[in-house]
Amino acid sequence: MNIDNIAKAIENDAGIQLPDLKQSLAEMQQGIAARSYTSEQLLLRSVRKKTGLSQQAFAQHINTPVTTLRDWEQGRFKPSGGILCLFKVLQNHPEIINELTTS
């Protein structure tokens, strides 16, 4: 993989210079991952997407501040066991989100 050629092609497509692009491509080539996700993060994101709800709407359905939901999805905080159980149920039955209180 020629990093210079790839970077040049990407920058040409983007129409702008991307200062850290070559470094990012080199890290990718070496297998260095910039981000990693926990199983909880993947579960929460997957379930919310299955319901088709935005973060704001989903947070309202589970009576949780949207900032808390974002913190869970972004891995800043780990959700409690009860929340994880709820999400496991919603994983298999996303339609029951409408049964939860929206007030």
N, C-alpha and C. Protein backbone atom coordinates (compact mmCIF):
# COMPACT_ATOMS: atom_id res chain seq x y z
N MET A 1 0.85 -1.18 0.00
CA MET A 1 0.00 0.00 0.00
C MET A 1 0.90 1.24 0.00
N ASN A 2 0.73 2.05 -1.00
CA ASN A 2 1.50 3.29 -1.09
C ASN A 2 0.71 4.42 -0.43
N ILE A 3 1.11 4.78 0.76
CA ILE A 3 0.37 5.76 1.56
C ILE A 3 0.33 7.11 0.87
N ASP A 4 1.42 7.53 0.26
CA ASP A 4 1.44 8.83 -0.42
C ASP A 4 0.41 8.90 -1.54
N ASN A 5 0.35 7.84 -2.36
CA ASN A 5 -0.61 7.81 -3.47
C ASN A 5 -2.05 7.79 -2.97
N ILE A 6 -2.29 7.01 -1.94
CA ILE A 6 -3.65 6.93 -1.39
C ILE A 6 -4.06 8.27 -0.77
N ALA A 7 -3.17 8.87 0.00
CA ALA A 7 -3.45 10.17 0.62
C ALA A 7 -3.74 11.23 -0.45
N LYS A 8 -2.94 11.21 -1.51
CA LYS A 8 -3.13 12.18 -2.59
C LYS A 8 -4.50 11.98 -3.25
N ALA A 9 -4.87 10.74 -3.49
CA ALA A 9 -6.18 10.46 -4.11
C ALA A 9 -7.33 10.89 -3.20
N ILE A 10 -7.21 10.62 -1.92
CA ILE A 10 -8.27 11.02 -0.98
C ILE A 10 -8.38 12.53 -0.92
N GLU A 11 -7.25 13.21 -0.84
CA GLU A 11 -7.26 14.67 -0.78
C GLU A 11 -7.81 15.27 -2.07
N ASN A 12 -7.49 14.66 -3.20
CA ASN A 12 -8.03 15.13 -4.47
C ASN A 12 -9.55 14.98 -4.49
N ASP A 13 -10.04 13.85 -4.02
CA ASP A 13 -11.48 13.63 -3.96
C ASP A 13 -12.15 14.61 -3.01
N ALA A 14 -11.51 14.86 -1.86
CA ALA A 14 -12.07 15.77 -0.86
C ALA A 14 -11.97 17.22 -1.28
N GLY A 15 -10.98 17.53 -2.12
CA GLY A 15 -10.77 18.90 -2.55
C GLY A 15 -10.07 19.77 -1.53
N ILE A 16 -9.54 19.14 -0.49
CA ILE A 16 -8.80 19.88 0.55
C ILE A 16 -7.66 19.01 1.04
N GLN A 17 -6.67 19.66 1.67
CA GLN A 17 -5.59 18.91 2.29
C GLN A 17 -6.05 18.45 3.67
N LEU A 18 -5.70 17.24 4.00
CA LEU A 18 -6.04 16.66 5.30
C LEU A 18 -4.74 16.40 6.04
N PRO A 19 -4.39 17.28 6.98
CA PRO A 19 -3.06 17.29 7.60
C PRO A 19 -2.60 15.96 8.22
N ASP A 20 -3.47 15.24 8.88
CA ASP A 20 -3.04 14.01 9.58
C ASP A 20 -3.39 12.74 8.81
N LEU A 21 -3.78 12.89 7.58
CA LEU A 21 -4.23 11.74 6.79
C LEU A 21 -3.14 10.68 6.63
N LYS A 22 -1.92 11.09 6.28
CA LYS A 22 -0.84 10.13 6.07
C LYS A 22 -0.54 9.35 7.36
N GLN A 23 -0.56 10.04 8.47
CA GLN A 23 -0.32 9.37 9.75
C GLN A 23 -1.44 8.37 10.05
N SER A 24 -2.67 8.75 9.78
CA SER A 24 -3.80 7.85 10.00
C SER A 24 -3.72 6.62 9.11
N LEU A 25 -3.34 6.83 7.85
CA LEU A 25 -3.20 5.69 6.94
C LEU A 25 -2.08 4.75 7.39
N ALA A 26 -0.98 5.33 7.88
CA ALA A 26 0.13 4.51 8.37
C ALA A 26 -0.30 3.68 9.58
N GLU A 27 -1.06 4.31 10.48
CA GLU A 27 -1.56 3.59 11.65
C GLU A 27 -2.51 2.47 11.23
N MET A 28 -3.36 2.75 10.26
CA MET A 28 -4.28 1.73 9.76
C MET A 28 -3.50 0.56 9.18
N GLN A 29 -2.46 0.87 8.41
CA GLN A 29 -1.65 -0.17 7.79
C GLN A 29 -0.97 -1.05 8.86
N GLN A 30 -0.62 -0.43 9.99
CA GLN A 30 0.03 -1.16 11.08
C GLN A 30 -0.97 -1.88 11.99
N GLY A 31 -2.26 -1.68 11.73
CA GLY A 31 -3.28 -2.33 12.54
C GLY A 31 -3.58 -1.62 13.84
N ILE A 32 -3.20 -0.37 13.92
CA ILE A 32 -3.47 0.41 15.13
C ILE A 32 -4.87 0.98 15.02
N ALA A 33 -5.72 0.62 15.95
CA ALA A 33 -7.10 1.11 15.95
C ALA A 33 -7.19 2.37 16.79
N ALA A 34 -7.81 3.38 16.23
CA ALA A 34 -7.97 4.64 16.96
C ALA A 34 -9.07 4.54 18.00
N ARG A 35 -10.05 3.72 17.74
CA ARG A 35 -11.17 3.57 18.67
C ARG A 35 -11.45 2.11 18.90
N SER A 36 -11.94 1.85 20.08
CA SER A 36 -12.43 0.51 20.37
C SER A 36 -13.77 0.67 21.07
N TYR A 37 -14.60 -0.32 20.96
CA TYR A 37 -15.94 -0.26 21.51
C TYR A 37 -16.17 -1.44 22.44
N THR A 38 -16.90 -1.17 23.52
CA THR A 38 -17.25 -2.25 24.45
C THR A 38 -18.50 -2.94 23.92
N SER A 39 -18.75 -4.12 24.44
CA SER A 39 -19.96 -4.84 24.03
C SER A 39 -21.21 -4.08 24.45
N GLU A 40 -21.12 -3.37 25.58
CA GLU A 40 -22.27 -2.58 26.03
C GLU A 40 -22.58 -1.45 25.04
N GLN A 41 -21.54 -0.77 24.57
CA GLN A 41 -21.73 0.30 23.60
C GLN A 41 -22.39 -0.23 22.33
N LEU A 42 -21.89 -1.35 21.85
CA LEU A 42 -22.43 -1.92 20.63
C LEU A 42 -23.88 -2.34 20.82
N LEU A 43 -24.21 -2.90 21.98
CA LEU A 43 -25.58 -3.30 22.27
C LEU A 43 -26.50 -2.08 22.28
N LEU A 44 -26.11 -1.05 23.02
CA LEU A 44 -26.95 0.14 23.12
C LEU A 44 -27.19 0.79 21.77
N ARG A 45 -26.16 0.96 21.00
CA ARG A 45 -26.31 1.58 19.67
C ARG A 45 -27.19 0.72 18.76
N SER A 46 -26.95 -0.58 18.79
CA SER A 46 -27.71 -1.50 17.94
C SER A 46 -29.19 -1.46 18.28
N VAL A 47 -29.49 -1.50 19.56
CA VAL A 47 -30.89 -1.51 19.99
C VAL A 47 -31.58 -0.21 19.61
N ARG A 48 -30.93 0.91 19.87
CA ARG A 48 -31.55 2.19 19.54
C ARG A 48 -31.80 2.29 18.04
N LYS A 49 -30.86 1.83 17.24
CA LYS A 49 -31.05 1.88 15.79
C LYS A 49 -32.18 0.95 15.34
N LYS A 50 -32.32 -0.20 16.02
CA LYS A 50 -33.42 -1.12 15.68
C LYS A 50 -34.77 -0.48 15.92
N THR A 51 -34.85 0.37 16.94
CA THR A 51 -36.12 1.04 17.24
C THR A 51 -36.40 2.16 16.26
N GLY A 52 -35.37 2.65 15.58
CA GLY A 52 -35.53 3.74 14.63
C GLY A 52 -35.67 5.10 15.28
N LEU A 53 -35.35 5.18 16.57
CA LEU A 53 -35.50 6.44 17.30
C LEU A 53 -34.19 7.20 17.39
N SER A 54 -34.31 8.52 17.45
CA SER A 54 -33.15 9.36 17.70
C SER A 54 -32.73 9.17 19.15
N GLN A 55 -31.54 9.67 19.49
CA GLN A 55 -31.11 9.59 20.89
C GLN A 55 -32.11 10.30 21.80
N GLN A 56 -32.57 11.47 21.38
CA GLN A 56 -33.51 12.26 22.19
C GLN A 56 -34.80 11.47 22.43
N ALA A 57 -35.39 10.94 21.38
CA ALA A 57 -36.65 10.20 21.51
C ALA A 57 -36.46 8.93 22.33
N PHE A 58 -35.38 8.23 22.08
CA PHE A 58 -35.14 6.98 22.82
C PHE A 58 -34.96 7.28 24.30
N ALA A 59 -34.19 8.31 24.61
CA ALA A 59 -33.97 8.69 26.01
C ALA A 59 -35.29 9.02 26.70
N GLN A 60 -36.19 9.68 26.00
CA GLN A 60 -37.49 9.99 26.57
C GLN A 60 -38.27 8.72 26.87
N HIS A 61 -38.22 7.75 25.96
CA HIS A 61 -38.94 6.49 26.17
C HIS A 61 -38.44 5.74 27.40
N ILE A 62 -37.13 5.80 27.66
CA ILE A 62 -36.61 5.06 28.82
C ILE A 62 -36.42 5.97 30.03
N ASN A 63 -37.00 7.18 29.93
CA ASN A 63 -37.00 8.13 31.04
C ASN A 63 -35.59 8.40 31.58
N THR A 64 -34.69 8.69 30.64
CA THR A 64 -33.29 8.93 30.95
C THR A 64 -32.84 10.20 30.24
N PRO A 65 -32.03 11.03 30.87
CA PRO A 65 -31.52 12.21 30.16
C PRO A 65 -30.74 11.80 28.91
N VAL A 66 -30.92 12.55 27.84
CA VAL A 66 -30.23 12.24 26.59
C VAL A 66 -28.71 12.28 26.78
N THR A 67 -28.23 13.13 27.67
CA THR A 67 -26.79 13.19 27.90
C THR A 67 -26.28 11.88 28.51
N THR A 68 -27.09 11.25 29.34
CA THR A 68 -26.71 9.96 29.92
C THR A 68 -26.65 8.89 28.83
N LEU A 69 -27.65 8.87 27.97
CA LEU A 69 -27.66 7.91 26.86
C LEU A 69 -26.43 8.10 25.98
N ARG A 70 -26.09 9.35 25.69
CA ARG A 70 -24.89 9.62 24.88
C ARG A 70 -23.63 9.13 25.59
N ASP A 71 -23.56 9.37 26.90
CA ASP A 71 -22.40 8.90 27.66
C ASP A 71 -22.27 7.39 27.58
N TRP A 72 -23.39 6.68 27.66
CA TRP A 72 -23.35 5.21 27.55
C TRP A 72 -22.89 4.80 26.15
N GLU A 73 -23.49 5.40 25.12
CA GLU A 73 -23.16 5.02 23.75
C GLU A 73 -21.72 5.36 23.39
N GLN A 74 -21.18 6.41 23.98
CA GLN A 74 -19.82 6.81 23.66
C GLN A 74 -18.80 6.20 24.62
N GLY A 75 -19.26 5.40 25.57
CA GLY A 75 -18.36 4.68 26.46
C GLY A 75 -17.78 5.49 27.61
N ARG A 76 -18.33 6.66 27.86
CA ARG A 76 -17.83 7.45 28.98
C ARG A 76 -18.25 6.86 30.32
N PHE A 77 -19.45 6.27 30.34
CA PHE A 77 -19.96 5.61 31.53
C PHE A 77 -20.59 4.29 31.14
N LYS A 78 -20.51 3.33 32.04
CA LYS A 78 -21.13 2.02 31.79
C LYS A 78 -22.54 2.03 32.36
N PRO A 79 -23.51 1.57 31.58
CA PRO A 79 -24.89 1.51 32.09
C PRO A 79 -25.03 0.47 33.20
N SER A 80 -26.02 0.67 34.04
CA SER A 80 -26.26 -0.27 35.14
C SER A 80 -26.77 -1.61 34.61
N GLY A 81 -26.77 -2.59 35.48
CA GLY A 81 -27.24 -3.93 35.10
C GLY A 81 -28.68 -3.93 34.64
N GLY A 82 -29.52 -3.13 35.30
CA GLY A 82 -30.93 -3.06 34.91
C GLY A 82 -31.11 -2.52 33.51
N ILE A 83 -30.33 -1.51 33.18
CA ILE A 83 -30.40 -0.93 31.83
C ILE A 83 -29.92 -1.95 30.80
N LEU A 84 -28.86 -2.66 31.13
CA LEU A 84 -28.36 -3.68 30.19
C LEU A 84 -29.41 -4.77 29.97
N CYS A 85 -30.11 -5.16 31.02
CA CYS A 85 -31.18 -6.16 30.88
C CYS A 85 -32.29 -5.63 29.98
N LEU A 86 -32.68 -4.37 30.19
CA LEU A 86 -33.70 -3.76 29.34
C LEU A 86 -33.26 -3.78 27.88
N PHE A 87 -32.01 -3.43 27.63
CA PHE A 87 -31.53 -3.39 26.25
C PHE A 87 -31.45 -4.79 25.64
N LYS A 88 -31.16 -5.78 26.44
CA LYS A 88 -31.14 -7.15 25.92
C LYS A 88 -32.54 -7.59 25.51
N VAL A 89 -33.54 -7.20 26.28
CA VAL A 89 -34.93 -7.51 25.92
C VAL A 89 -35.30 -6.75 24.64
N LEU A 90 -34.94 -5.46 24.59
CA LEU A 90 -35.25 -4.66 23.41
C LEU A 90 -34.52 -5.15 22.16
N GLN A 91 -33.37 -5.78 22.35
CA GLN A 91 -32.63 -6.33 21.21
C GLN A 91 -33.48 -7.34 20.45
N ASN A 92 -34.20 -8.17 21.19
CA ASN A 92 -35.03 -9.21 20.58
C ASN A 92 -36.45 -8.74 20.29
N HIS A 93 -36.88 -7.68 20.99
CA HIS A 93 -38.25 -7.19 20.84
C HIS A 93 -38.28 -5.66 20.80
N PRO A 94 -37.69 -5.06 19.76
CA PRO A 94 -37.61 -3.59 19.72
C PRO A 94 -38.98 -2.91 19.71
N GLU A 95 -39.99 -3.64 19.30
CA GLU A 95 -41.32 -3.03 19.22
C GLU A 95 -41.90 -2.66 20.58
N ILE A 96 -41.38 -3.26 21.66
CA ILE A 96 -41.93 -2.95 22.99
C ILE A 96 -41.46 -1.60 23.52
N ILE A 97 -40.59 -0.93 22.78
CA ILE A 97 -40.17 0.41 23.20
C ILE A 97 -41.39 1.31 23.35
N ASN A 98 -42.41 1.06 22.53
CA ASN A 98 -43.63 1.87 22.59
C ASN A 98 -44.46 1.60 23.84
N GLU A 99 -44.16 0.50 24.52
CA GLU A 99 -44.86 0.18 25.77
C GLU A 99 -44.31 0.99 26.94
N LEU A 100 -43.10 1.54 26.77
CA LEU A 100 -42.46 2.29 27.85
C LEU A 100 -43.04 3.69 27.93
N THR A 101 -43.00 4.24 29.11
CA THR A 101 -43.54 5.57 29.35
C THR A 101 -42.80 6.62 28.55
N THR A 102 -43.54 7.54 27.96
CA THR A 102 -42.92 8.62 27.21
C THR A 102 -43.09 9.96 27.92
N SER A 103 -43.59 9.95 29.13
CA SER A 103 -43.80 11.22 29.83
C SER A 103 -42.62 11.58 30.69
